[in-house]
């Protein structure tokens, strides 16, 4: 019986170690050390769209958002085609089907491009320690 409990505890420790999210732990540590240098508590932001690059582009507000400025700077690292797609989707608020028909591609292909661009922007934000 004891061996089974030890084995279960070892498995639990192993799974916890394998599934650790070091990026979130680093953000949490950075927030605890210098809260003024962070957007907010990373644990509280996990369940929100406030830190999602797509959210900044969709957000309608009269107040300037400092994260939008960061997003625009990071978008300079995208290709011109990626930037055009982002502006078409979020700036002009065009539908995927409309863009797909115009480009002669499938809606799935355009959706996949959009997903890859957003993933790239998330990665760029994470590299800057913003998200």
Protein backbone atom coordinates (compact mmCIF):
# COMPACT_ATOMS: atom_id res chain seq x y z
CA UNK A 1 0.00 0.00 0.00
CA UNK A 2 2.78 2.42 0.87
CA UNK A 3 4.53 1.77 -2.44
CA UNK A 4 1.34 2.67 -4.33
CA UNK A 5 1.03 5.94 -2.41
CA UNK A 6 4.70 6.75 -2.98
CA UNK A 7 4.31 5.94 -6.67
CA UNK A 8 1.21 8.16 -6.93
CA UNK A 9 3.01 11.02 -5.16
CA UNK A 10 6.05 10.63 -7.44
CA UNK A 11 3.79 10.66 -10.51
CA UNK A 12 2.02 13.76 -9.21
CA UNK A 13 5.36 15.52 -8.69
CA UNK A 14 6.56 14.46 -12.14
CA UNK A 15 3.39 15.67 -13.88
CA UNK A 16 3.53 18.96 -11.99
CA UNK A 17 7.14 19.48 -13.06
CA UNK A 18 6.44 18.55 -16.71
CA UNK A 19 3.42 20.85 -16.95
CA UNK A 20 4.95 23.91 -15.31
CA UNK A 21 4.39 27.13 -17.16
CA UNK A 22 7.69 28.91 -16.72
CA UNK A 23 6.57 31.95 -18.70
CA UNK A 24 3.71 32.59 -16.29
CA UNK A 25 5.93 31.89 -13.28
CA UNK A 26 8.48 34.41 -14.59
CA UNK A 27 5.77 37.03 -15.14
CA UNK A 28 4.43 36.39 -11.64
CA UNK A 29 7.90 36.78 -10.15
CA UNK A 30 8.50 39.96 -12.16
CA UNK A 31 5.15 41.35 -10.97
CA UNK A 32 5.97 40.55 -7.33
CA UNK A 33 9.40 42.24 -7.61
CA UNK A 34 8.29 45.32 -9.53
CA UNK A 35 4.51 45.71 -9.94
CA UNK A 36 4.86 49.16 -11.56
CA UNK A 37 6.80 47.63 -14.46
CA UNK A 38 4.01 45.16 -15.34
CA UNK A 39 0.63 45.41 -17.02
CA UNK A 40 -1.03 43.67 -14.11
CA UNK A 41 -1.04 40.51 -12.08
CA UNK A 42 -0.38 37.75 -14.62
CA UNK A 43 -2.47 35.26 -12.66
CA UNK A 44 -5.49 37.57 -12.74
CA UNK A 45 -4.95 38.17 -16.46
CA UNK A 46 -4.93 34.47 -17.35
CA UNK A 47 -8.68 34.32 -17.72
CA UNK A 48 -9.13 37.64 -19.50
CA UNK A 49 -8.79 38.87 -23.03
CA UNK A 50 -7.06 42.05 -21.83
CA UNK A 51 -3.68 40.59 -22.74
CA UNK A 52 -4.74 39.09 -26.08
CA UNK A 53 -3.34 40.99 -29.11
CA UNK A 54 -6.57 40.35 -31.04
CA UNK A 55 -8.51 42.07 -28.25
CA UNK A 56 -6.51 45.29 -28.66
CA UNK A 57 -7.35 45.45 -32.32
CA UNK A 58 -11.08 44.79 -31.73
CA UNK A 59 -11.38 47.15 -28.76
CA UNK A 60 -13.37 50.33 -29.35
CA UNK A 61 -12.43 53.14 -27.01
CA UNK A 62 -11.78 56.86 -27.09
CA UNK A 63 -8.95 56.49 -24.57
CA UNK A 64 -5.56 55.58 -26.05
CA UNK A 65 -4.33 52.19 -24.91
CA UNK A 66 -0.54 51.99 -24.35
CA UNK A 67 -0.62 48.33 -25.35
CA UNK A 68 -1.91 49.29 -28.80
CA UNK A 69 1.27 51.31 -29.30
CA UNK A 70 3.33 48.27 -28.30
CA UNK A 71 1.25 46.13 -30.67
CA UNK A 72 1.89 48.51 -33.57
CA UNK A 73 5.63 48.44 -32.86
CA UNK A 74 5.65 44.64 -32.76
CA UNK A 75 3.58 44.44 -35.94
CA UNK A 76 6.55 45.98 -37.76
CA UNK A 77 8.20 42.57 -37.38
CA UNK A 78 5.46 40.95 -39.48
CA UNK A 79 5.56 40.59 -43.25
CA UNK A 80 3.60 43.12 -45.35
CA UNK A 81 1.07 40.39 -46.24
CA UNK A 82 0.53 39.59 -42.56
CA UNK A 83 0.07 43.27 -41.71
CA UNK A 84 -2.42 43.67 -44.57
CA UNK A 85 -4.43 40.70 -43.32
CA UNK A 86 -4.52 42.06 -39.76
CA UNK A 87 -5.70 45.47 -40.99
CA UNK A 88 -8.30 43.85 -43.25
CA UNK A 89 -9.68 41.72 -40.44
CA UNK A 90 -9.51 44.08 -37.49
CA UNK A 91 -9.15 47.53 -39.02
CA UNK A 92 -11.59 47.25 -41.91
CA UNK A 93 -13.53 44.51 -40.12
CA UNK A 94 -13.83 42.44 -43.26
CA UNK A 95 -15.06 38.87 -43.06
CA UNK A 96 -12.80 35.87 -43.65
CA UNK A 97 -15.04 34.76 -46.53
CA UNK A 98 -14.71 38.14 -48.24
CA UNK A 99 -10.92 38.08 -47.99
CA UNK A 100 -10.77 34.43 -49.09
CA UNK A 101 -12.90 35.13 -52.17
CA UNK A 102 -10.79 38.17 -53.06
CA UNK A 103 -7.53 36.23 -52.75
CA UNK A 104 -8.89 33.05 -54.35
CA UNK A 105 -8.10 30.99 -51.25
CA UNK A 106 -10.19 28.94 -48.85
CA UNK A 107 -11.65 30.42 -45.67
CA UNK A 108 -9.67 27.80 -43.74
CA UNK A 109 -6.41 29.03 -45.29
CA UNK A 110 -7.17 32.64 -44.30
CA UNK A 111 -8.22 31.52 -40.79
CA UNK A 112 -4.97 29.57 -40.41
CA UNK A 113 -2.95 32.63 -41.53
CA UNK A 114 -4.80 34.78 -38.98
CA UNK A 115 -4.16 32.23 -36.22
CA UNK A 116 -0.45 32.06 -37.04
CA UNK A 117 -0.17 35.86 -37.06
CA UNK A 118 -1.87 36.17 -33.68
CA UNK A 119 0.33 33.39 -32.28
CA UNK A 120 3.40 35.25 -33.60
CA UNK A 121 2.24 38.49 -31.98
CA UNK A 122 1.65 36.70 -28.68
CA UNK A 123 5.18 35.30 -28.88
CA UNK A 124 6.60 38.75 -29.62
CA UNK A 125 4.69 40.20 -26.66
CA UNK A 126 6.01 37.42 -24.43
CA UNK A 127 9.58 38.03 -25.61
CA UNK A 128 9.20 41.68 -24.62
CA UNK A 129 7.84 40.60 -21.22
CA UNK A 130 4.60 42.42 -21.93
CA UNK A 131 2.27 39.44 -21.61
